[in-house]
Amino acid sequence: MAQRPQDSPQLDALLQAVSRKLGVPADTLKAELKAGKFDAALSGMKPKEAAAFQQLLNNPGRLQQMMNSQQAKALYEKLKQ
């Protein structure tokens, strides 16, 4: 069975990076994502970025594809150092 994106160590690393960029605690972001709420994440983004983020989150297949991309894997490797 495939690992769900919200249980991924890659997603945790990305949450940490997003947390630093937005100035929102990673735990808050993760809790909101699990609850299907994105208020904290969206509030710190430009409107165009927020719309793109919302669109990605509404497409689990695309989200998984993104998480499996070389860029996401490279970012994960960089963040875990």
PDB file of N, CA and C in Angstrom:
ATOM      1  N   MET A   1       0.846  -1.181   0.000  1.00  0.00           N
ATOM      2  CA  MET A   1       0.000   0.000   0.000  1.00  0.00           C
ATOM      3  C   MET A   1       0.885   1.235   0.000  1.00  0.00           C
ATOM      4  N   ALA A   2       0.551   2.213  -0.822  1.00  0.00           N
ATOM      5  CA  ALA A   2       1.340   3.438  -0.938  1.00  0.00           C
ATOM      6  C   ALA A   2       1.171   4.290   0.316  1.00  0.00           C
ATOM      7  N   GLN A   3       2.248   4.958   0.658  1.00  0.00           N
ATOM      8  CA  GLN A   3       2.212   5.841   1.820  1.00  0.00           C
ATOM      9  C   GLN A   3       1.416   7.088   1.461  1.00  0.00           C
ATOM     10  N   ARG A   4       0.510   7.482   2.329  1.00  0.00           N
ATOM     11  CA  ARG A   4      -0.291   8.683   2.101  1.00  0.00           C
ATOM     12  C   ARG A   4       0.605   9.908   2.235  1.00  0.00           C
ATOM     13  N   PRO A   5       0.393  10.940   1.411  1.00  0.00           N
ATOM     14  CA  PRO A   5       1.249  12.121   1.461  1.00  0.00           C
ATOM     15  C   PRO A   5       1.375  12.745   2.843  1.00  0.00           C
ATOM     16  N   GLN A   6       0.271  12.795   3.625  1.00  0.00           N
ATOM     17  CA  GLN A   6       0.359  13.454   4.924  1.00  0.00           C
ATOM     18  C   GLN A   6       1.176  12.667   5.940  1.00  0.00           C
ATOM     19  N   ASP A   7       1.506  11.403   5.646  1.00  0.00           N
ATOM     20  CA  ASP A   7       2.318  10.588   6.536  1.00  0.00           C
ATOM     21  C   ASP A   7       3.764  10.523   6.074  1.00  0.00           C
ATOM     22  N   SER A   8       4.114  11.242   5.046  1.00  0.00           N
ATOM     23  CA  SER A   8       5.421  11.178   4.421  1.00  0.00           C
ATOM     24  C   SER A   8       6.465  11.992   5.170  1.00  0.00           C
ATOM     25  N   PRO A   9       7.655  11.424   5.365  1.00  0.00           N
ATOM     26  CA  PRO A   9       8.742  12.228   5.939  1.00  0.00           C
ATOM     27  C   PRO A   9       9.108  13.395   5.025  1.00  0.00           C
ATOM     28  N   GLN A  10       8.906  13.219   3.728  1.00  0.00           N
ATOM     29  CA  GLN A  10       9.171  14.307   2.800  1.00  0.00           C
ATOM     30  C   GLN A  10       8.224  15.470   3.066  1.00  0.00           C
ATOM     31  N   LEU A  11       6.986  15.165   3.328  1.00  0.00           N
ATOM     32  CA  LEU A  11       6.022  16.225   3.605  1.00  0.00           C
ATOM     33  C   LEU A  11       6.382  16.942   4.905  1.00  0.00           C
ATOM     34  N   ASP A  12       6.846  16.194   5.901  1.00  0.00           N
ATOM     35  CA  ASP A  12       7.254  16.835   7.157  1.00  0.00           C
ATOM     36  C   ASP A  12       8.402  17.816   6.913  1.00  0.00           C
ATOM     37  N   ALA A  13       9.348  17.423   6.073  1.00  0.00           N
ATOM     38  CA  ALA A  13      10.463  18.318   5.762  1.00  0.00           C
ATOM     39  C   ALA A  13       9.972  19.546   5.003  1.00  0.00           C
ATOM     40  N   LEU A  14       9.059  19.331   4.078  1.00  0.00           N
ATOM     41  CA  LEU A  14       8.498  20.461   3.341  1.00  0.00           C
ATOM     42  C   LEU A  14       7.686  21.372   4.261  1.00  0.00           C
ATOM     43  N   LEU A  15       6.977  20.790   5.207  1.00  0.00           N
ATOM     44  CA  LEU A  15       6.234  21.597   6.178  1.00  0.00           C
ATOM     45  C   LEU A  15       7.180  22.480   6.979  1.00  0.00           C
ATOM     46  N   GLN A  16       8.326  21.938   7.338  1.00  0.00           N
ATOM     47  CA  GLN A  16       9.319  22.730   8.073  1.00  0.00           C
ATOM     48  C   GLN A  16       9.786  23.913   7.242  1.00  0.00           C
ATOM     49  N   ALA A  17      10.044  23.658   5.950  1.00  0.00           N
ATOM     50  CA  ALA A  17      10.500  24.733   5.070  1.00  0.00           C
ATOM     51  C   ALA A  17       9.413  25.787   4.887  1.00  0.00           C
ATOM     52  N   VAL A  18       8.187  25.344   4.672  1.00  0.00           N
ATOM     53  CA  VAL A  18       7.064  26.269   4.508  1.00  0.00           C
ATOM     54  C   VAL A  18       6.841  27.048   5.801  1.00  0.00           C
ATOM     55  N   SER A  19       6.975  26.359   6.914  1.00  0.00           N
ATOM     56  CA  SER A  19       6.806  26.993   8.216  1.00  0.00           C
ATOM     57  C   SER A  19       7.770  28.165   8.387  1.00  0.00           C
ATOM     58  N   ARG A  20       9.021  27.923   8.037  1.00  0.00           N
ATOM     59  CA  ARG A  20      10.013  28.999   8.154  1.00  0.00           C
ATOM     60  C   ARG A  20       9.677  30.160   7.217  1.00  0.00           C
ATOM     61  N   LYS A  21       9.261  29.844   5.999  1.00  0.00           N
ATOM     62  CA  LYS A  21       8.966  30.895   5.024  1.00  0.00           C
ATOM     63  C   LYS A  21       7.746  31.724   5.424  1.00  0.00           C
ATOM     64  N   LEU A  22       6.715  31.069   5.918  1.00  0.00           N
ATOM     65  CA  LEU A  22       5.474  31.764   6.246  1.00  0.00           C
ATOM     66  C   LEU A  22       5.445  32.321   7.661  1.00  0.00           C
ATOM     67  N   GLY A  23       6.356  31.855   8.508  1.00  0.00           N
ATOM     68  CA  GLY A  23       6.342  32.300   9.895  1.00  0.00           C
ATOM     69  C   GLY A  23       5.210  31.683  10.696  1.00  0.00           C
ATOM     70  N   VAL A  24       4.798  30.485  10.291  1.00  0.00           N
ATOM     71  CA  VAL A  24       3.728  29.755  10.972  1.00  0.00           C
ATOM     72  C   VAL A  24       4.326  28.465  11.513  1.00  0.00           C
ATOM     73  N   PRO A  25       4.084  28.105  12.770  1.00  0.00           N
ATOM     74  CA  PRO A  25       4.649  26.869  13.311  1.00  0.00           C
ATOM     75  C   PRO A  25       4.266  25.646  12.468  1.00  0.00           C
ATOM     76  N   ALA A  26       5.239  24.759  12.252  1.00  0.00           N
ATOM     77  CA  ALA A  26       5.005  23.558  11.443  1.00  0.00           C
ATOM     78  C   ALA A  26       3.881  22.706  12.018  1.00  0.00           C
ATOM     79  N   ASP A  27       3.789  22.628  13.339  1.00  0.00           N
ATOM     80  CA  ASP A  27       2.719  21.842  13.966  1.00  0.00           C
ATOM     81  C   ASP A  27       1.348  22.415  13.633  1.00  0.00           C
ATOM     82  N   THR A  28       1.258  23.747  13.589  1.00  0.00           N
ATOM     83  CA  THR A  28       0.000  24.395  13.228  1.00  0.00           C
ATOM     84  C   THR A  28      -0.362  24.069  11.785  1.00  0.00           C
ATOM     85  N   LEU A  29       0.613  24.173  10.898  1.00  0.00           N
ATOM     86  CA  LEU A  29       0.362  23.845   9.497  1.00  0.00           C
ATOM     87  C   LEU A  29      -0.087  22.402   9.333  1.00  0.00           C
ATOM     88  N   LYS A  30       0.614  21.485   9.993  1.00  0.00           N
ATOM     89  CA  LYS A  30       0.296  20.066   9.867  1.00  0.00           C
ATOM     90  C   LYS A  30      -1.102  19.775  10.415  1.00  0.00           C
ATOM     91  N   ALA A  31      -1.431  20.350  11.567  1.00  0.00           N
ATOM     92  CA  ALA A  31      -2.754  20.124  12.155  1.00  0.00           C
ATOM     93  C   ALA A  31      -3.850  20.657  11.233  1.00  0.00           C
ATOM     94  N   GLU A  32      -3.622  21.828  10.663  1.00  0.00           N
ATOM     95  CA  GLU A  32      -4.622  22.386   9.755  1.00  0.00           C
ATOM     96  C   GLU A  32      -4.750  21.543   8.491  1.00  0.00           C
ATOM     97  N   LEU A  33      -3.640  21.088   7.960  1.00  0.00           N
ATOM     98  CA  LEU A  33      -3.687  20.251   6.762  1.00  0.00           C
ATOM     99  C   LEU A  33      -4.452  18.961   7.022  1.00  0.00           C
ATOM    100  N   LYS A  34      -4.199  18.341   8.162  1.00  0.00           N
ATOM    101  CA  LYS A  34      -4.909  17.105   8.499  1.00  0.00           C
ATOM    102  C   LYS A  34      -6.403  17.349   8.693  1.00  0.00           C
ATOM    103  N   ALA A  35      -6.756  18.545   9.167  1.00  0.00           N
ATOM    104  CA  ALA A  35      -8.162  18.886   9.393  1.00  0.00           C
ATOM    105  C   ALA A  35      -8.831  19.437   8.131  1.00  0.00           C
ATOM    106  N   GLY A  36      -8.039  19.582   7.064  1.00  0.00           N
ATOM    107  CA  GLY A  36      -8.595  20.126   5.829  1.00  0.00           C
ATOM    108  C   GLY A  36      -8.746  21.633   5.854  1.00  0.00           C
ATOM    109  N   LYS A  37      -8.047  22.276   6.778  1.00  0.00           N
ATOM    110  CA  LYS A  37      -8.067  23.736   6.889  1.00  0.00           C
ATOM    111  C   LYS A  37      -6.692  24.249   6.474  1.00  0.00           C
ATOM    112  N   PHE A  38      -6.684  25.390   5.843  1.00  0.00           N
ATOM    113  CA  PHE A  38      -5.415  25.921   5.358  1.00  0.00           C
ATOM    114  C   PHE A  38      -5.252  27.393   5.694  1.00  0.00           C
ATOM    115  N   ASP A  39      -5.996  27.864   6.686  1.00  0.00           N
ATOM    116  CA  ASP A  39      -6.008  29.284   7.023  1.00  0.00           C
ATOM    117  C   ASP A  39      -4.609  29.832   7.313  1.00  0.00           C
ATOM    118  N   ALA A  40      -3.835  29.137   8.156  1.00  0.00           N
ATOM    119  CA  ALA A  40      -2.514  29.637   8.525  1.00  0.00           C
ATOM    120  C   ALA A  40      -1.588  29.651   7.318  1.00  0.00           C
ATOM    121  N   ALA A  41      -1.618  28.597   6.530  1.00  0.00           N
ATOM    122  CA  ALA A  41      -0.746  28.527   5.356  1.00  0.00           C
ATOM    123  C   ALA A  41      -1.125  29.587   4.333  1.00  0.00           C
ATOM    124  N   LEU A  42      -2.400  29.706   4.061  1.00  0.00           N
ATOM    125  CA  LEU A  42      -2.852  30.633   3.030  1.00  0.00           C
ATOM    126  C   LEU A  42      -2.695  32.092   3.438  1.00  0.00           C
ATOM    127  N   SER A  43      -2.781  32.371   4.731  1.00  0.00           N
ATOM    128  CA  SER A  43      -2.706  33.758   5.188  1.00  0.00           C
ATOM    129  C   SER A  43      -1.333  34.378   4.954  1.00  0.00           C
ATOM    130  N   GLY A  44      -0.297  33.560   4.919  1.00  0.00           N
ATOM    131  CA  GLY A  44       1.055  34.082   4.720  1.00  0.00           C
ATOM    132  C   GLY A  44       1.503  34.098   3.277  1.00  0.00           C
ATOM    133  N   MET A  45       0.616  33.718   2.354  1.00  0.00           N
ATOM    134  CA  MET A  45       0.990  33.630   0.941  1.00  0.00           C
ATOM    135  C   MET A  45       0.399  34.782   0.137  1.00  0.00           C
ATOM    136  N   LYS A  46       1.048  35.042  -0.991  1.00  0.00           N
ATOM    137  CA  LYS A  46       0.479  35.965  -1.973  1.00  0.00           C
ATOM    138  C   LYS A  46      -0.742  35.278  -2.566  1.00  0.00           C
ATOM    139  N   PRO A  47      -1.736  36.041  -3.007  1.00  0.00           N
ATOM    140  CA  PRO A  47      -2.965  35.425  -3.531  1.00  0.00           C
ATOM    141  C   PRO A  47      -2.735  34.406  -4.642  1.00  0.00           C
ATOM    142  N   LYS A  48      -1.833  34.689  -5.560  1.00  0.00           N
ATOM    143  CA  LYS A  48      -1.561  33.749  -6.653  1.00  0.00           C
ATOM    144  C   LYS A  48      -0.958  32.446  -6.116  1.00  0.00           C
ATOM    145  N   GLU A  49      -0.043  32.554  -5.166  1.00  0.00           N
ATOM    146  CA  GLU A  49       0.563  31.370  -4.558  1.00  0.00           C
ATOM    147  C   GLU A  49      -0.470  30.574  -3.774  1.00  0.00           C
ATOM    148  N   ALA A  50      -1.330  31.271  -3.052  1.00  0.00           N
ATOM    149  CA  ALA A  50      -2.370  30.604  -2.267  1.00  0.00           C
ATOM    150  C   ALA A  50      -3.313  29.823  -3.170  1.00  0.00           C
ATOM    151  N   ALA A  51      -3.671  30.390  -4.314  1.00  0.00           N
ATOM    152  CA  ALA A  51      -4.555  29.704  -5.253  1.00  0.00           C
ATOM    153  C   ALA A  51      -3.889  28.461  -5.820  1.00  0.00           C
ATOM    154  N   ALA A  52      -2.606  28.555  -6.160  1.00  0.00           N
ATOM    155  CA  ALA A  52      -1.878  27.400  -6.691  1.00  0.00           C
ATOM    156  C   ALA A  52      -1.750  26.310  -5.626  1.00  0.00           C
ATOM    157  N   PHE A  53      -1.488  26.704  -4.392  1.00  0.00           N
ATOM    158  CA  PHE A  53      -1.372  25.756  -3.286  1.00  0.00           C
ATOM    159  C   PHE A  53      -2.702  25.037  -3.054  1.00  0.00           C
ATOM    160  N   GLN A  54      -3.778  25.797  -3.048  1.00  0.00           N
ATOM    161  CA  GLN A  54      -5.103  25.212  -2.840  1.00  0.00           C
ATOM    162  C   GLN A  54      -5.430  24.230  -3.956  1.00  0.00           C
ATOM    163  N   GLN A  55      -5.098  24.587  -5.177  1.00  0.00           N
ATOM    164  CA  GLN A  55      -5.361  23.712  -6.320  1.00  0.00           C
ATOM    165  C   GLN A  55      -4.571  22.408  -6.188  1.00  0.00           C
ATOM    166  N   LEU A  56      -3.326  22.492  -5.770  1.00  0.00           N
ATOM    167  CA  LEU A  56      -2.500  21.296  -5.577  1.00  0.00           C
ATOM    168  C   LEU A  56      -3.077  20.405  -4.490  1.00  0.00           C
ATOM    169  N   LEU A  57      -3.494  20.992  -3.390  1.00  0.00           N
ATOM    170  CA  LEU A  57      -4.034  20.210  -2.283  1.00  0.00           C
ATOM    171  C   LEU A  57      -5.357  19.540  -2.631  1.00  0.00           C
ATOM    172  N   ASN A  58      -6.070  20.101  -3.572  1.00  0.00           N
ATOM    173  CA  ASN A  58      -7.344  19.522  -3.992  1.00  0.00           C
ATOM    174  C   ASN A  58      -7.178  18.378  -4.985  1.00  0.00           C
ATOM    175  N   ASN A  59      -5.942  18.068  -5.350  1.00  0.00           N
ATOM    176  CA  ASN A  59      -5.674  17.006  -6.308  1.00  0.00           C
ATOM    177  C   ASN A  59      -4.657  16.039  -5.706  1.00  0.00           C
ATOM    178  N   PRO A  60      -5.108  15.028  -4.939  1.00  0.00           N
ATOM    179  CA  PRO A  60      -4.174  14.113  -4.271  1.00  0.00           C
ATOM    180  C   PRO A  60      -3.212  13.413  -5.222  1.00  0.00           C
ATOM    181  N   GLY A  61      -3.664  13.092  -6.425  1.00  0.00           N
ATOM    182  CA  GLY A  61      -2.777  12.439  -7.390  1.00  0.00           C
ATOM    183  C   GLY A  61      -1.637  13.348  -7.800  1.00  0.00           C
ATOM    184  N   ARG A  62      -1.954  14.604  -8.045  1.00  0.00           N
ATOM    185  CA  ARG A  62      -0.934  15.588  -8.421  1.00  0.00           C
ATOM    186  C   ARG A  62       0.002  15.862  -7.246  1.00  0.00           C
ATOM    187  N   LEU A  63      -0.539  15.904  -6.050  1.00  0.00           N
ATOM    188  CA  LEU A  63       0.285  16.110  -4.860  1.00  0.00           C
ATOM    189  C   LEU A  63       1.281  14.971  -4.705  1.00  0.00           C
ATOM    190  N   GLN A  64       0.814  13.741  -4.876  1.00  0.00           N
ATOM    191  CA  GLN A  64       1.705  12.584  -4.770  1.00  0.00           C
ATOM    192  C   GLN A  64       2.769  12.627  -5.864  1.00  0.00           C
ATOM    193  N   GLN A  65       2.367  13.002  -7.064  1.00  0.00           N
ATOM    194  CA  GLN A  65       3.302  13.112  -8.172  1.00  0.00           C
ATOM    195  C   GLN A  65       4.378  14.152  -7.847  1.00  0.00           C
ATOM    196  N   MET A  66       3.957  15.285  -7.297  1.00  0.00           N
ATOM    197  CA  MET A  66       4.911  16.317  -6.925  1.00  0.00           C
ATOM    198  C   MET A  66       5.867  15.830  -5.840  1.00  0.00           C
ATOM    199  N   MET A  67       5.330  15.130  -4.847  1.00  0.00           N
ATOM    200  CA  MET A  67       6.159  14.636  -3.750  1.00  0.00           C
ATOM    201  C   MET A  67       7.180  13.612  -4.233  1.00  0.00           C
ATOM    202  N   ASN A  68       6.879  12.919  -5.324  1.00  0.00           N
ATOM    203  CA  ASN A  68       7.794  11.925  -5.878  1.00  0.00           C
ATOM    204  C   ASN A  68       8.743  12.504  -6.919  1.00  0.00           C
ATOM    205  N   SER A  69       8.648  13.795  -7.184  1.00  0.00           N
ATOM    206  CA  SER A  69       9.494  14.426  -8.199  1.00  0.00           C
ATOM    207  C   SER A  69      10.940  14.522  -7.708  1.00  0.00           C
ATOM    208  N   GLN A  70      11.830  14.634  -8.662  1.00  0.00           N
ATOM    209  CA  GLN A  70      13.251  14.791  -8.326  1.00  0.00           C
ATOM    210  C   GLN A  70      13.501  16.059  -7.518  1.00  0.00           C
ATOM    211  N   GLN A  71      12.765  17.125  -7.850  1.00  0.00           N
ATOM    212  CA  GLN A  71      12.938  18.389  -7.131  1.00  0.00           C
ATOM    213  C   GLN A  71      12.538  18.252  -5.667  1.00  0.00           C
ATOM    214  N   ALA A  72      11.422  17.591  -5.403  1.00  0.00           N
ATOM    215  CA  ALA A  72      10.979  17.397  -4.024  1.00  0.00           C
ATOM    216  C   ALA A  72      11.967  16.518  -3.273  1.00  0.00           C
ATOM    217  N   LYS A  73      12.459  15.472  -3.928  1.00  0.00           N
ATOM    218  CA  LYS A  73      13.442  14.594  -3.291  1.00  0.00           C
ATOM    219  C   LYS A  73      14.733  15.342  -2.990  1.00  0.00           C
ATOM    220  N   ALA A  74      15.161  16.192  -3.919  1.00  0.00           N
ATOM    221  CA  ALA A  74      16.377  16.986  -3.694  1.00  0.00           C
ATOM    222  C   ALA A  74      16.181  17.966  -2.546  1.00  0.00           C
ATOM    223  N   LEU A  75      14.996  18.599  -2.491  1.00  0.00           N
ATOM    224  CA  LEU A  75      14.706  19.519  -1.391  1.00  0.00           C
ATOM    225  C   LEU A  75      14.692  18.782  -0.065  1.00  0.00           C
ATOM    226  N   TYR A  76      14.091  17.612  -0.050  1.00  0.00           N
ATOM    227  CA  TYR A  76      14.054  16.797   1.169  1.00  0.00           C
ATOM    228  C   TYR A  76      15.479  16.468   1.637  1.00  0.00           C
ATOM    229  N   GLU A  77      16.322  16.061   0.708  1.00  0.00           N
ATOM    230  CA  GLU A  77      17.711  15.734   1.065  1.00  0.00           C
ATOM    231  C   GLU A  77      18.437  16.957   1.627  1.00  0.00           C
ATOM    232  N   LYS A  78      18.197  18.103   1.017  1.00  0.00           N
ATOM    233  CA  LYS A  78      18.825  19.333   1.488  1.00  0.00           C
ATOM    234  C   LYS A  78      18.333  19.715   2.876  1.00  0.00           C
ATOM    235  N   LEU A  79      17.016  19.570   3.114  1.00  0.00           N
ATOM    236  CA  LEU A  79      16.446  19.960   4.399  1.00  0.00           C
ATOM    237  C   LEU A  79      16.831  19.043   5.545  1.00  0.00           C
ATOM    238  N   LYS A  80      17.088  17.785   5.260  1.00  0.00           N
ATOM    239  CA  LYS A  80      17.412  16.874   6.356  1.00  0.00           C
ATOM    240  C   LYS A  80      18.871  16.898   6.761  1.00  0.00           C
ATOM    241  N   GLN A  81      19.695  17.684   6.084  1.00  0.00           N
ATOM    242  CA  GLN A  81      21.112  17.788   6.439  1.00  0.00           C
ATOM    243  C   GLN A  81      21.320  18.641   7.652  1.00  0.00           C
TER     244      GLN A  81
END
